[in-house]
Amino acid sequence: MKPESDDNERDPLWDDQWFDEFSEMADRRLGDGSACEQIHPIVEAWFAALNEEEPPPLRPSVEQALSCLATEVLNATPPAILDTLVAHNDEDEVADWVVQVLAIGKAFQQALDAGDLDDI
């Protein structure tokens, strides 16, 4: 749910227009309407299945690398976004969340490589 701003102005962090570029690119490549109608349900089912399982263990060196990458991502995050996240969450929670997002990306790439998402 998008937060309401105090002065009824649209919060630029929640502006949906950034997604239009990705949706339009998918429509160009896959046909009009394909982005959400075809791809999203497949990705959603994969993500739901991922959340039902215990995540595969990572080697300690991979965990450390993800933590280092999370630090780099946070250092490159625009201040307005980072300030908003830290205003509502502890910095360690934000860092842990970024590590989790990176780990999900790693699992997604592994699923793509293994052919688990060939339907997209």
PDB file of N, CA and C in Angstrom:
ATOM      1  N   MET A   1       0.843  -1.183   0.000  1.00  0.00           N
ATOM      2  CA  MET A   1       0.000   0.000   0.000  1.00  0.00           C
ATOM      3  C   MET A   1       0.883   1.238   0.000  1.00  0.00           C
ATOM      4  N   LYS A   2       0.536   2.176  -0.812  1.00  0.00           N
ATOM      5  CA  LYS A   2       1.316   3.400  -0.915  1.00  0.00           C
ATOM      6  C   LYS A   2       0.998   4.339   0.231  1.00  0.00           C
ATOM      7  N   PRO A   3       2.021   4.921   0.819  1.00  0.00           N
ATOM      8  CA  PRO A   3       1.768   5.859   1.911  1.00  0.00           C
ATOM      9  C   PRO A   3       1.181   7.162   1.391  1.00  0.00           C
ATOM     10  N   GLU A   4       0.341   7.747   2.206  1.00  0.00           N
ATOM     11  CA  GLU A   4      -0.221   9.054   1.876  1.00  0.00           C
ATOM     12  C   GLU A   4       0.720  10.124   2.391  1.00  0.00           C
ATOM     13  N   SER A   5       0.949  11.143   1.613  1.00  0.00           N
ATOM     14  CA  SER A   5       1.788  12.237   2.096  1.00  0.00           C
ATOM     15  C   SER A   5       0.913  13.214   2.863  1.00  0.00           C
ATOM     16  N   ASP A   6       1.544  13.961   3.750  1.00  0.00           N
ATOM     17  CA  ASP A   6       0.803  14.896   4.595  1.00  0.00           C
ATOM     18  C   ASP A   6       0.138  16.008   3.810  1.00  0.00           C
ATOM     19  N   ASP A   7       0.768  16.421   2.725  1.00  0.00           N
ATOM     20  CA  ASP A   7       0.230  17.557   1.979  1.00  0.00           C
ATOM     21  C   ASP A   7      -0.506  17.112   0.723  1.00  0.00           C
ATOM     22  N   ASN A   8      -0.903  15.841   0.657  1.00  0.00           N
ATOM     23  CA  ASN A   8      -1.661  15.281  -0.457  1.00  0.00           C
ATOM     24  C   ASN A   8      -0.926  15.344  -1.785  1.00  0.00           C
ATOM     25  N   GLU A   9       0.383  15.606  -1.752  1.00  0.00           N
ATOM     26  CA  GLU A   9       1.166  15.547  -2.975  1.00  0.00           C
ATOM     27  C   GLU A   9       1.602  14.112  -3.185  1.00  0.00           C
ATOM     28  N   ARG A  10       1.817  13.747  -4.426  1.00  0.00           N
ATOM     29  CA  ARG A  10       2.259  12.400  -4.747  1.00  0.00           C
ATOM     30  C   ARG A  10       3.709  12.225  -4.317  1.00  0.00           C
ATOM     31  N   ASP A  11       3.973  11.145  -3.586  1.00  0.00           N
ATOM     32  CA  ASP A  11       5.324  10.832  -3.131  1.00  0.00           C
ATOM     33  C   ASP A  11       6.114  10.286  -4.315  1.00  0.00           C
ATOM     34  N   PRO A  12       7.219  10.953  -4.712  1.00  0.00           N
ATOM     35  CA  PRO A  12       7.961  10.505  -5.886  1.00  0.00           C
ATOM     36  C   PRO A  12       8.567   9.113  -5.722  1.00  0.00           C
ATOM     37  N   LEU A  13       8.785   8.646  -4.499  1.00  0.00           N
ATOM     38  CA  LEU A  13       9.320   7.307  -4.298  1.00  0.00           C
ATOM     39  C   LEU A  13       8.306   6.226  -4.669  1.00  0.00           C
ATOM     40  N   TRP A  14       7.028   6.596  -4.664  1.00  0.00           N
ATOM     41  CA  TRP A  14       5.984   5.624  -4.956  1.00  0.00           C
ATOM     42  C   TRP A  14       5.343   5.888  -6.311  1.00  0.00           C
ATOM     43  N   ASP A  15       5.978   6.671  -7.137  1.00  0.00           N
ATOM     44  CA  ASP A  15       5.462   6.984  -8.453  1.00  0.00           C
ATOM     45  C   ASP A  15       5.560   5.742  -9.337  1.00  0.00           C
ATOM     46  N   ASP A  16       4.424   5.274  -9.842  1.00  0.00           N
ATOM     47  CA  ASP A  16       4.395   4.043 -10.637  1.00  0.00           C
ATOM     48  C   ASP A  16       4.964   4.210 -12.038  1.00  0.00           C
ATOM     49  N   GLN A  17       5.288   5.401 -12.456  1.00  0.00           N
ATOM     50  CA  GLN A  17       5.727   5.612 -13.832  1.00  0.00           C
ATOM     51  C   GLN A  17       7.039   4.914 -14.150  1.00  0.00           C
ATOM     52  N   TRP A  18       7.895   4.663 -13.162  1.00  0.00           N
ATOM     53  CA  TRP A  18       9.156   3.984 -13.418  1.00  0.00           C
ATOM     54  C   TRP A  18       8.922   2.590 -13.976  1.00  0.00           C
ATOM     55  N   PHE A  19       7.805   1.966 -13.600  1.00  0.00           N
ATOM     56  CA  PHE A  19       7.520   0.608 -14.049  1.00  0.00           C
ATOM     57  C   PHE A  19       7.065   0.585 -15.499  1.00  0.00           C
ATOM     58  N   ASP A  20       6.525   1.683 -15.996  1.00  0.00           N
ATOM     59  CA  ASP A  20       6.019   1.733 -17.362  1.00  0.00           C
ATOM     60  C   ASP A  20       7.074   1.327 -18.381  1.00  0.00           C
ATOM     61  N   GLU A  21       8.306   1.768 -18.171  1.00  0.00           N
ATOM     62  CA  GLU A  21       9.387   1.443 -19.111  1.00  0.00           C
ATOM     63  C   GLU A  21       9.566  -0.065 -19.238  1.00  0.00           C
ATOM     64  N   PHE A  22       9.532  -0.772 -18.110  1.00  0.00           N
ATOM     65  CA  PHE A  22       9.719  -2.217 -18.132  1.00  0.00           C
ATOM     66  C   PHE A  22       8.521  -2.922 -18.758  1.00  0.00           C
ATOM     67  N   SER A  23       7.344  -2.461 -18.451  1.00  0.00           N
ATOM     68  CA  SER A  23       6.142  -3.054 -19.015  1.00  0.00           C
ATOM     69  C   SER A  23       6.098  -2.848 -20.528  1.00  0.00           C
ATOM     70  N   GLU A  24       6.439  -1.647 -20.972  1.00  0.00           N
ATOM     71  CA  GLU A  24       6.450  -1.358 -22.409  1.00  0.00           C
ATOM     72  C   GLU A  24       7.501  -2.192 -23.132  1.00  0.00           C
ATOM     73  N   MET A  25       8.679  -2.381 -22.519  1.00  0.00           N
ATOM     74  CA  MET A  25       9.722  -3.208 -23.124  1.00  0.00           C
ATOM     75  C   MET A  25       9.229  -4.650 -23.271  1.00  0.00           C
ATOM     76  N   ALA A  26       8.597  -5.183 -22.243  1.00  0.00           N
ATOM     77  CA  ALA A  26       8.080  -6.547 -22.316  1.00  0.00           C
ATOM     78  C   ALA A  26       7.000  -6.662 -23.382  1.00  0.00           C
ATOM     79  N   ASP A  27       6.125  -5.662 -23.460  1.00  0.00           N
ATOM     80  CA  ASP A  27       5.077  -5.684 -24.479  1.00  0.00           C
ATOM     81  C   ASP A  27       5.670  -5.658 -25.884  1.00  0.00           C
ATOM     82  N   ARG A  28       6.749  -4.878 -26.085  1.00  0.00           N
ATOM     83  CA  ARG A  28       7.395  -4.831 -27.401  1.00  0.00           C
ATOM     84  C   ARG A  28       7.976  -6.191 -27.775  1.00  0.00           C
ATOM     85  N   ARG A  29       8.565  -6.850 -26.798  1.00  0.00           N
ATOM     86  CA  ARG A  29       9.237  -8.124 -27.075  1.00  0.00           C
ATOM     87  C   ARG A  29       8.274  -9.307 -27.109  1.00  0.00           C
ATOM     88  N   LEU A  30       7.227  -9.254 -26.312  1.00  0.00           N
ATOM     89  CA  LEU A  30       6.347 -10.413 -26.169  1.00  0.00           C
ATOM     90  C   LEU A  30       4.952 -10.202 -26.734  1.00  0.00           C
ATOM     91  N   GLY A  31       4.625  -9.004 -27.117  1.00  0.00           N
ATOM     92  CA  GLY A  31       3.282  -8.708 -27.589  1.00  0.00           C
ATOM     93  C   GLY A  31       2.524  -7.917 -26.543  1.00  0.00           C
ATOM     94  N   ASP A  32       1.596  -7.108 -26.983  1.00  0.00           N
ATOM     95  CA  ASP A  32       0.867  -6.213 -26.099  1.00  0.00           C
ATOM     96  C   ASP A  32       0.178  -6.970 -24.975  1.00  0.00           C
ATOM     97  N   GLY A  33       0.363  -6.507 -23.751  1.00  0.00           N
ATOM     98  CA  GLY A  33      -0.274  -7.093 -22.582  1.00  0.00           C
ATOM     99  C   GLY A  33       0.448  -8.290 -22.009  1.00  0.00           C
ATOM    100  N   SER A  34       1.515  -8.719 -22.637  1.00  0.00           N
ATOM    101  CA  SER A  34       2.185  -9.940 -22.212  1.00  0.00           C
ATOM    102  C   SER A  34       2.916  -9.806 -20.892  1.00  0.00           C
ATOM    103  N   ALA A  35       3.387  -8.633 -20.595  1.00  0.00           N
ATOM    104  CA  ALA A  35       4.220  -8.468 -19.404  1.00  0.00           C
ATOM    105  C   ALA A  35       3.531  -9.011 -18.161  1.00  0.00           C
ATOM    106  N   CYS A  36       2.334  -8.583 -17.904  1.00  0.00           N
ATOM    107  CA  CYS A  36       1.643  -9.032 -16.698  1.00  0.00           C
ATOM    108  C   CYS A  36       0.844 -10.310 -16.933  1.00  0.00           C
ATOM    109  N   GLU A  37       0.235 -10.424 -18.079  1.00  0.00           N
ATOM    110  CA  GLU A  37      -0.647 -11.558 -18.330  1.00  0.00           C
ATOM    111  C   GLU A  37       0.097 -12.876 -18.442  1.00  0.00           C
ATOM    112  N   GLN A  38       1.315 -12.868 -18.982  1.00  0.00           N
ATOM    113  CA  GLN A  38       2.042 -14.110 -19.192  1.00  0.00           C
ATOM    114  C   GLN A  38       3.160 -14.323 -18.183  1.00  0.00           C
ATOM    115  N   ILE A  39       3.943 -13.330 -17.939  1.00  0.00           N
ATOM    116  CA  ILE A  39       5.142 -13.512 -17.131  1.00  0.00           C
ATOM    117  C   ILE A  39       4.856 -13.450 -15.641  1.00  0.00           C
ATOM    118  N   HIS A  40       4.079 -12.495 -15.210  1.00  0.00           N
ATOM    119  CA  HIS A  40       3.893 -12.309 -13.772  1.00  0.00           C
ATOM    120  C   HIS A  40       3.349 -13.546 -13.061  1.00  0.00           C
ATOM    121  N   PRO A  41       2.331 -14.234 -13.584  1.00  0.00           N
ATOM    122  CA  PRO A  41       1.843 -15.422 -12.870  1.00  0.00           C
ATOM    123  C   PRO A  41       2.908 -16.513 -12.716  1.00  0.00           C
ATOM    124  N   ILE A  42       3.788 -16.656 -13.685  1.00  0.00           N
ATOM    125  CA  ILE A  42       4.853 -17.659 -13.610  1.00  0.00           C
ATOM    126  C   ILE A  42       5.846 -17.269 -12.523  1.00  0.00           C
ATOM    127  N   VAL A  43       6.253 -16.011 -12.526  1.00  0.00           N
ATOM    128  CA  VAL A  43       7.193 -15.537 -11.513  1.00  0.00           C
ATOM    129  C   VAL A  43       6.548 -15.580 -10.132  1.00  0.00           C
ATOM    130  N   GLU A  44       5.292 -15.208 -10.044  1.00  0.00           N
ATOM    131  CA  GLU A  44       4.588 -15.237  -8.763  1.00  0.00           C
ATOM    132  C   GLU A  44       4.534 -16.659  -8.208  1.00  0.00           C
ATOM    133  N   ALA A  45       4.243 -17.645  -9.051  1.00  0.00           N
ATOM    134  CA  ALA A  45       4.195 -19.043  -8.597  1.00  0.00           C
ATOM    135  C   ALA A  45       5.577 -19.508  -8.156  1.00  0.00           C
ATOM    136  N   TRP A  46       6.618 -19.131  -8.902  1.00  0.00           N
ATOM    137  CA  TRP A  46       7.982 -19.498  -8.523  1.00  0.00           C
ATOM    138  C   TRP A  46       8.323 -18.903  -7.155  1.00  0.00           C
ATOM    139  N   PHE A  47       7.992 -17.622  -6.955  1.00  0.00           N
ATOM    140  CA  PHE A  47       8.305 -16.941  -5.700  1.00  0.00           C
ATOM    141  C   PHE A  47       7.539 -17.568  -4.540  1.00  0.00           C
ATOM    142  N   ALA A  48       6.279 -17.933  -4.760  1.00  0.00           N
ATOM    143  CA  ALA A  48       5.487 -18.572  -3.711  1.00  0.00           C
ATOM    144  C   ALA A  48       6.117 -19.913  -3.327  1.00  0.00           C
ATOM    145  N   ALA A  49       6.548 -20.677  -4.323  1.00  0.00           N
ATOM    146  CA  ALA A  49       7.195 -21.960  -4.040  1.00  0.00           C
ATOM    147  C   ALA A  49       8.511 -21.755  -3.300  1.00  0.00           C
ATOM    148  N   LEU A  50       9.260 -20.735  -3.682  1.00  0.00           N
ATOM    149  CA  LEU A  50      10.520 -20.425  -3.007  1.00  0.00           C
ATOM    150  C   LEU A  50      10.282 -20.122  -1.535  1.00  0.00           C
ATOM    151  N   ASN A  51       9.211 -19.400  -1.241  1.00  0.00           N
ATOM    152  CA  ASN A  51       8.904 -19.014   0.136  1.00  0.00           C
ATOM    153  C   ASN A  51       8.386 -20.174   0.977  1.00  0.00           C
ATOM    154  N   GLU A  52       7.942 -21.252   0.335  1.00  0.00           N
ATOM    155  CA  GLU A  52       7.457 -22.421   1.064  1.00  0.00           C
ATOM    156  C   GLU A  52       8.598 -23.327   1.498  1.00  0.00           C
ATOM    157  N   GLU A  53       9.751 -23.181   0.882  1.00  0.00           N
ATOM    158  CA  GLU A  53      10.893 -24.045   1.159  1.00  0.00           C
ATOM    159  C   GLU A  53      11.871 -23.350   2.099  1.00  0.00           C
ATOM    160  N   GLU A  54      12.695 -24.156   2.717  1.00  0.00           N
ATOM    161  CA  GLU A  54      13.818 -23.622   3.485  1.00  0.00           C
ATOM    162  C   GLU A  54      14.872 -23.193   2.463  1.00  0.00           C
ATOM    163  N   PRO A  55      15.406 -21.978   2.577  1.00  0.00           N
ATOM    164  CA  PRO A  55      16.390 -21.548   1.577  1.00  0.00           C
ATOM    165  C   PRO A  55      17.617 -22.455   1.595  1.00  0.00           C
ATOM    166  N   PRO A  56      18.187 -22.704   0.424  1.00  0.00           N
ATOM    167  CA  PRO A  56      19.381 -23.538   0.398  1.00  0.00           C
ATOM    168  C   PRO A  56      20.518 -22.849   1.155  1.00  0.00           C
ATOM    169  N   PRO A  57      21.301 -23.635   1.874  1.00  0.00           N
ATOM    170  CA  PRO A  57      22.397 -23.019   2.634  1.00  0.00           C
ATOM    171  C   PRO A  57      23.435 -22.427   1.691  1.00  0.00           C
ATOM    172  N   LEU A  58      23.990 -21.317   2.116  1.00  0.00           N
ATOM    173  CA  LEU A  58      25.034 -20.655   1.351  1.00  0.00           C
ATOM    174  C   LEU A  58      26.377 -20.912   2.026  1.00  0.00           C
ATOM    175  N   ARG A  59      27.397 -21.050   1.216  1.00  0.00           N
ATOM    176  CA  ARG A  59      28.738 -21.142   1.777  1.00  0.00           C
ATOM    177  C   ARG A  59      29.028 -19.848   2.524  1.00  0.00           C
ATOM    178  N   PRO A  60      29.798 -19.914   3.605  1.00  0.00           N
ATOM    179  CA  PRO A  60      30.118 -18.685   4.351  1.00  0.00           C
ATOM    180  C   PRO A  60      30.730 -17.604   3.471  1.00  0.00           C
ATOM    181  N   SER A  61      31.538 -17.987   2.500  1.00  0.00           N
ATOM    182  CA  SER A  61      32.136 -16.976   1.622  1.00  0.00           C
ATOM    183  C   SER A  61      31.091 -16.295   0.755  1.00  0.00           C
ATOM    184  N   VAL A  62      30.047 -17.038   0.359  1.00  0.00           N
ATOM    185  CA  VAL A  62      28.963 -16.450  -0.443  1.00  0.00           C
ATOM    186  C   VAL A  62      28.135 -15.513   0.436  1.00  0.00           C
ATOM    187  N   GLU A  63      27.865 -15.933   1.670  1.00  0.00           N
ATOM    188  CA  GLU A  63      27.144 -15.053   2.596  1.00  0.00           C
ATOM    189  C   GLU A  63      27.906 -13.741   2.801  1.00  0.00           C
ATOM    190  N   GLN A  64      29.223 -13.852   2.972  1.00  0.00           N
ATOM    191  CA  GLN A  64      30.047 -12.655   3.161  1.00  0.00           C
ATOM    192  C   GLN A  64      30.018 -11.780   1.916  1.00  0.00           C
ATOM    193  N   ALA A  65      30.089 -12.420   0.748  1.00  0.00           N
ATOM    194  CA  ALA A  65      30.055 -11.662  -0.506  1.00  0.00           C
ATOM    195  C   ALA A  65      28.721 -10.933  -0.666  1.00  0.00           C
ATOM    196  N   LEU A  66      27.618 -11.593  -0.309  1.00  0.00           N
ATOM    197  CA  LEU A  66      26.305 -10.938  -0.388  1.00  0.00           C
ATOM    198  C   LEU A  66      26.227  -9.764   0.578  1.00  0.00           C
ATOM    199  N   SER A  67      26.795  -9.916   1.759  1.00  0.00           N
ATOM    200  CA  SER A  67      26.817  -8.808   2.719  1.00  0.00           C
ATOM    201  C   SER A  67      27.625  -7.636   2.181  1.00  0.00           C
ATOM    202  N   CYS A  68      28.773  -7.943   1.583  1.00  0.00           N
ATOM    203  CA  CYS A  68      29.593  -6.874   0.986  1.00  0.00           C
ATOM    204  C   CYS A  68      28.846  -6.187  -0.153  1.00  0.00           C
ATOM    205  N   LEU A  69      28.185  -6.985  -0.990  1.00  0.00           N
ATOM    206  CA  LEU A  69      27.428  -6.406  -2.099  1.00  0.00           C
ATOM    207  C   LEU A  69      26.272  -5.560  -1.574  1.00  0.00           C
ATOM    208  N   ALA A  70      25.620  -6.020  -0.510  1.00  0.00           N
ATOM    209  CA  ALA A  70      24.536  -5.238   0.087  1.00  0.00           C
ATOM    210  C   ALA A  70      25.050  -3.884   0.562  1.00  0.00           C
ATOM    211  N   THR A  71      26.242  -3.872   1.145  1.00  0.00           N
ATOM    212  CA  THR A  71      26.847  -2.606   1.576  1.00  0.00           C
ATOM    213  C   THR A  71      27.057  -1.685   0.386  1.00  0.00           C
ATOM    214  N   GLU A  72      27.548  -2.229  -0.717  1.00  0.00           N
ATOM    215  CA  GLU A  72      27.760  -1.419  -1.921  1.00  0.00           C
ATOM    216  C   GLU A  72      26.442  -0.906  -2.476  1.00  0.00           C
ATOM    217  N   VAL A  73      25.415  -1.756  -2.470  1.00  0.00           N
ATOM    218  CA  VAL A  73      24.090  -1.332  -2.947  1.00  0.00           C
ATOM    219  C   VAL A  73      23.565  -0.205  -2.074  1.00  0.00           C
ATOM    220  N   LEU A  74      23.673  -0.360  -0.764  1.00  0.00           N
ATOM    221  CA  LEU A  74      23.191   0.693   0.138  1.00  0.00           C
ATOM    222  C   LEU A  74      23.988   1.981  -0.033  1.00  0.00           C
ATOM    223  N   ASN A  75      25.286   1.871  -0.260  1.00  0.00           N
ATOM    224  CA  ASN A  75      26.102   3.065  -0.487  1.00  0.00           C
ATOM    225  C   ASN A  75      25.717   3.782  -1.778  1.00  0.00           C
ATOM    226  N   ALA A  76      25.186   3.037  -2.742  1.00  0.00           N
ATOM    227  CA  ALA A  76      24.793   3.626  -4.029  1.00  0.00           C
ATOM    228  C   ALA A  76      23.309   4.010  -4.079  1.00  0.00           C
ATOM    229  N   THR A  77      22.586   3.715  -3.006  1.00  0.00           N
ATOM    230  CA  THR A  77      21.156   4.021  -2.973  1.00  0.00           C
ATOM    231  C   THR A  77      20.945   5.525  -2.876  1.00  0.00           C
ATOM    232  N   PRO A  78      20.042   6.068  -3.691  1.00  0.00           N
ATOM    233  CA  PRO A  78      19.759   7.505  -3.588  1.00  0.00           C
ATOM    234  C   PRO A  78      19.364   7.869  -2.155  1.00  0.00           C
ATOM    235  N   PRO A  79      19.875   8.989  -1.654  1.00  0.00           N
ATOM    236  CA  PRO A  79      19.618   9.378  -0.261  1.00  0.00           C
ATOM    237  C   PRO A  79      18.138   9.425   0.111  1.00  0.00           C
ATOM    238  N   ALA A  80      17.286   9.875  -0.782  1.00  0.00           N
ATOM    239  CA  ALA A  80      15.856   9.960  -0.448  1.00  0.00           C
ATOM    240  C   ALA A  80      15.268   8.578  -0.170  1.00  0.00           C
ATOM    241  N   ILE A  81      15.711   7.588  -0.908  1.00  0.00           N
ATOM    242  CA  ILE A  81      15.216   6.224  -0.702  1.00  0.00           C
ATOM    243  C   ILE A  81      15.794   5.655   0.587  1.00  0.00           C
ATOM    244  N   LEU A  82      17.094   5.787   0.748  1.00  0.00           N
ATOM    245  CA  LEU A  82      17.746   5.245   1.943  1.00  0.00           C
ATOM    246  C   LEU A  82      17.215   5.922   3.206  1.00  0.00           C
ATOM    247  N   ASP A  83      17.060   7.230   3.165  1.00  0.00           N
ATOM    248  CA  ASP A  83      16.539   7.956   4.330  1.00  0.00           C
ATOM    249  C   ASP A  83      15.137   7.470   4.694  1.00  0.00           C
ATOM    250  N   THR A  84      14.317   7.197   3.684  1.00  0.00           N
ATOM    251  CA  THR A  84      12.958   6.713   3.934  1.00  0.00           C
ATOM    252  C   THR A  84      12.992   5.327   4.567  1.00  0.00           C
ATOM    253  N   LEU A  85      13.844   4.452   4.052  1.00  0.00           N
ATOM    254  CA  LEU A  85      13.951   3.106   4.614  1.00  0.00           C
ATOM    255  C   LEU A  85      14.437   3.150   6.059  1.00  0.00           C
ATOM    256  N   VAL A  86      15.476   3.941   6.305  1.00  0.00           N
ATOM    257  CA  VAL A  86      16.073   4.001   7.642  1.00  0.00           C
ATOM    258  C   VAL A  86      15.165   4.739   8.617  1.00  0.00           C
ATOM    259  N   ALA A  87      14.312   5.609   8.130  1.00  0.00           N
ATOM    260  CA  ALA A  87      13.377   6.307   9.013  1.00  0.00           C
ATOM    261  C   ALA A  87      12.353   5.339   9.610  1.00  0.00           C
ATOM    262  N   HIS A  88      12.109   4.229   8.921  1.00  0.00           N
ATOM    263  CA  HIS A  88      11.088   3.283   9.367  1.00  0.00           C
ATOM    264  C   HIS A  88      11.654   1.944   9.815  1.00  0.00           C
ATOM    265  N   ASN A  89      12.955   1.750   9.639  1.00  0.00           N
ATOM    266  CA  ASN A  89      13.578   0.471   9.976  1.00  0.00           C
ATOM    267  C   ASN A  89      14.989   0.706  10.502  1.00  0.00           C
ATOM    268  N   ASP A  90      15.454  -0.205  11.318  1.00  0.00           N
ATOM    269  CA  ASP A  90      16.826  -0.184  11.792  1.00  0.00           C
ATOM    270  C   ASP A  90      17.762  -0.411  10.596  1.00  0.00           C
ATOM    271  N   GLU A  91      18.928   0.214  10.609  1.00  0.00           N
ATOM    272  CA  GLU A  91      19.874   0.079   9.491  1.00  0.00           C
ATOM    273  C   GLU A  91      20.248  -1.373   9.242  1.00  0.00           C
ATOM    274  N   ASP A  92      20.402  -2.156  10.302  1.00  0.00           N
ATOM    275  CA  ASP A  92      20.733  -3.576  10.130  1.00  0.00           C
ATOM    276  C   ASP A  92      19.589  -4.335   9.456  1.00  0.00           C
ATOM    277  N   GLU A  93      18.338  -3.964   9.775  1.00  0.00           N
ATOM    278  CA  GLU A  93      17.192  -4.595   9.125  1.00  0.00           C
ATOM    279  C   GLU A  93      17.170  -4.274   7.638  1.00  0.00           C
ATOM    280  N   VAL A  94      17.489  -3.052   7.291  1.00  0.00           N
ATOM    281  CA  VAL A  94      17.535  -2.661   5.883  1.00  0.00           C
ATOM    282  C   VAL A  94      18.629  -3.448   5.166  1.00  0.00           C
ATOM    283  N   ALA A  95      19.791  -3.541   5.787  1.00  0.00           N
ATOM    284  CA  ALA A  95      20.899  -4.292   5.188  1.00  0.00           C
ATOM    285  C   ALA A  95      20.530  -5.766   5.024  1.00  0.00           C
ATOM    286  N   ASP A  96      19.887  -6.347   6.044  1.00  0.00           N
ATOM    287  CA  ASP A  96      19.461  -7.746   5.955  1.00  0.00           C
ATOM    288  C   ASP A  96      18.449  -7.939   4.827  1.00  0.00           C
ATOM    289  N   TRP A  97      17.560  -6.969   4.660  1.00  0.00           N
ATOM    290  CA  TRP A  97      16.565  -7.035   3.591  1.00  0.00           C
ATOM    291  C   TRP A  97      17.250  -6.995   2.221  1.00  0.00           C
ATOM    292  N   VAL A  98      18.246  -6.146   2.068  1.00  0.00           N
ATOM    293  CA  VAL A  98      18.976  -6.079   0.800  1.00  0.00           C
ATOM    294  C   VAL A  98      19.680  -7.408   0.535  1.00  0.00           C
ATOM    295  N   VAL A  99      20.286  -8.004   1.560  1.00  0.00           N
ATOM    296  CA  VAL A  99      20.916  -9.320   1.397  1.00  0.00           C
ATOM    297  C   VAL A  99      19.877 -10.335   0.948  1.00  0.00           C
ATOM    298  N   GLN A 100      18.692 -10.282   1.551  1.00  0.00           N
ATOM    299  CA  GLN A 100      17.621 -11.209   1.174  1.00  0.00           C
ATOM    300  C   GLN A 100      17.208 -10.999  -0.284  1.00  0.00           C
ATOM    301  N   VAL A 101      17.077  -9.774  -0.712  1.00  0.00           N
ATOM    302  CA  VAL A 101      16.719  -9.491  -2.102  1.00  0.00           C
ATOM    303  C   VAL A 101      17.799 -10.038  -3.044  1.00  0.00           C
ATOM    304  N   LEU A 102      19.061  -9.844  -2.678  1.00  0.00           N
ATOM    305  CA  LEU A 102      20.154 -10.369  -3.496  1.00  0.00           C
ATOM    306  C   LEU A 102      20.127 -11.895  -3.537  1.00  0.00           C
ATOM    307  N   ALA A 103      19.834 -12.525  -2.420  1.00  0.00           N
ATOM    308  CA  ALA A 103      19.758 -13.986  -2.379  1.00  0.00           C
ATOM    309  C   ALA A 103      18.596 -14.496  -3.232  1.00  0.00           C
ATOM    310  N   ILE A 104      17.484 -13.774  -3.226  1.00  0.00           N
ATOM    311  CA  ILE A 104      16.345 -14.139  -4.082  1.00  0.00           C
ATOM    312  C   ILE A 104      16.751 -14.015  -5.546  1.00  0.00           C
ATOM    313  N   GLY A 105      17.489 -12.962  -5.868  1.00  0.00           N
ATOM    314  CA  GLY A 105      17.979 -12.799  -7.238  1.00  0.00           C
ATOM    315  C   GLY A 105      18.889 -13.942  -7.648  1.00  0.00           C
ATOM    316  N   LYS A 106      19.731 -14.376  -6.723  1.00  0.00           N
ATOM    317  CA  LYS A 106      20.626 -15.510  -6.992  1.00  0.00           C
ATOM    318  C   LYS A 106      19.802 -16.768  -7.251  1.00  0.00           C
ATOM    319  N   ALA A 107      18.799 -17.023  -6.420  1.00  0.00           N
ATOM    320  CA  ALA A 107      17.929 -18.185  -6.601  1.00  0.00           C
ATOM    321  C   ALA A 107      17.160 -18.092  -7.917  1.00  0.00           C
ATOM    322  N   PHE A 108      16.751 -16.889  -8.287  1.00  0.00           N
ATOM    323  CA  PHE A 108      16.036 -16.681  -9.545  1.00  0.00           C
ATOM    324  C   PHE A 108      16.939 -17.017 -10.726  1.00  0.00           C
ATOM    325  N   GLN A 109      18.181 -16.553 -10.676  1.00  0.00           N
ATOM    326  CA  GLN A 109      19.124 -16.859 -11.746  1.00  0.00           C
ATOM    327  C   GLN A 109      19.381 -18.360 -11.828  1.00  0.00           C
ATOM    328  N   GLN A 110      19.503 -19.015 -10.668  1.00  0.00           N
ATOM    329  CA  GLN A 110      19.694 -20.464 -10.656  1.00  0.00           C
ATOM    330  C   GLN A 110      18.492 -21.178 -11.282  1.00  0.00           C
ATOM    331  N   ALA A 111      17.285 -20.711 -10.983  1.00  0.00           N
ATOM    332  CA  ALA A 111      16.082 -21.310 -11.566  1.00  0.00           C
ATOM    333  C   ALA A 111      16.052 -21.094 -13.078  1.00  0.00           C
ATOM    334  N   LEU A 112      16.448 -19.920 -13.517  1.00  0.00           N
ATOM    335  CA  LEU A 112      16.521 -19.662 -14.957  1.00  0.00           C
ATOM    336  C   LEU A 112      17.533 -20.584 -15.622  1.00  0.00           C
ATOM    337  N   ASP A 113      18.719 -20.719 -15.018  1.00  0.00           N
ATOM    338  CA  ASP A 113      19.773 -21.556 -15.572  1.00  0.00           C
ATOM    339  C   ASP A 113      19.369 -23.029 -15.613  1.00  0.00           C
ATOM    340  N   ALA A 114      18.590 -23.460 -14.604  1.00  0.00           N
ATOM    341  CA  ALA A 114      18.168 -24.861 -14.522  1.00  0.00           C
ATOM    342  C   ALA A 114      16.966 -25.163 -15.420  1.00  0.00           C
ATOM    343  N   GLY A 115      16.387 -24.122 -16.041  1.00  0.00           N
ATOM    344  CA  GLY A 115      15.235 -24.338 -16.906  1.00  0.00           C
ATOM    345  C   GLY A 115      13.920 -24.369 -16.165  1.00  0.00           C
ATOM    346  N   ASP A 116      13.936 -24.031 -14.867  1.00  0.00           N
ATOM    347  CA  ASP A 116      12.703 -24.053 -14.080  1.00  0.00           C
ATOM    348  C   ASP A 116      11.704 -22.975 -14.495  1.00  0.00           C
ATOM    349  N   LEU A 117      12.184 -21.981 -15.212  1.00  0.00           N
ATOM    350  CA  LEU A 117      11.309 -20.881 -15.626  1.00  0.00           C
ATOM    351  C   LEU A 117      11.270 -20.757 -17.155  1.00  0.00           C
ATOM    352  N   ASP A 118      11.413 -21.876 -17.830  1.00  0.00           N
ATOM    353  CA  ASP A 118      11.408 -21.846 -19.299  1.00  0.00           C
ATOM    354  C   ASP A 118      10.087 -21.372 -19.886  1.00  0.00           C
ATOM    355  N   ASP A 119       9.010 -21.387 -19.087  1.00  0.00           N
ATOM    356  CA  ASP A 119       7.719 -20.924 -19.573  1.00  0.00           C
ATOM    357  C   ASP A 119       7.691 -19.418 -19.830  1.00  0.00           C
ATOM    358  N   ILE A 120       8.675 -18.692 -19.260  1.00  0.00           N
ATOM    359  CA  ILE A 120       8.685 -17.268 -19.555  1.00  0.00           C
ATOM    360  C   ILE A 120       9.514 -17.092 -20.773  1.00  0.00           C
TER     361      ILE A 120
END
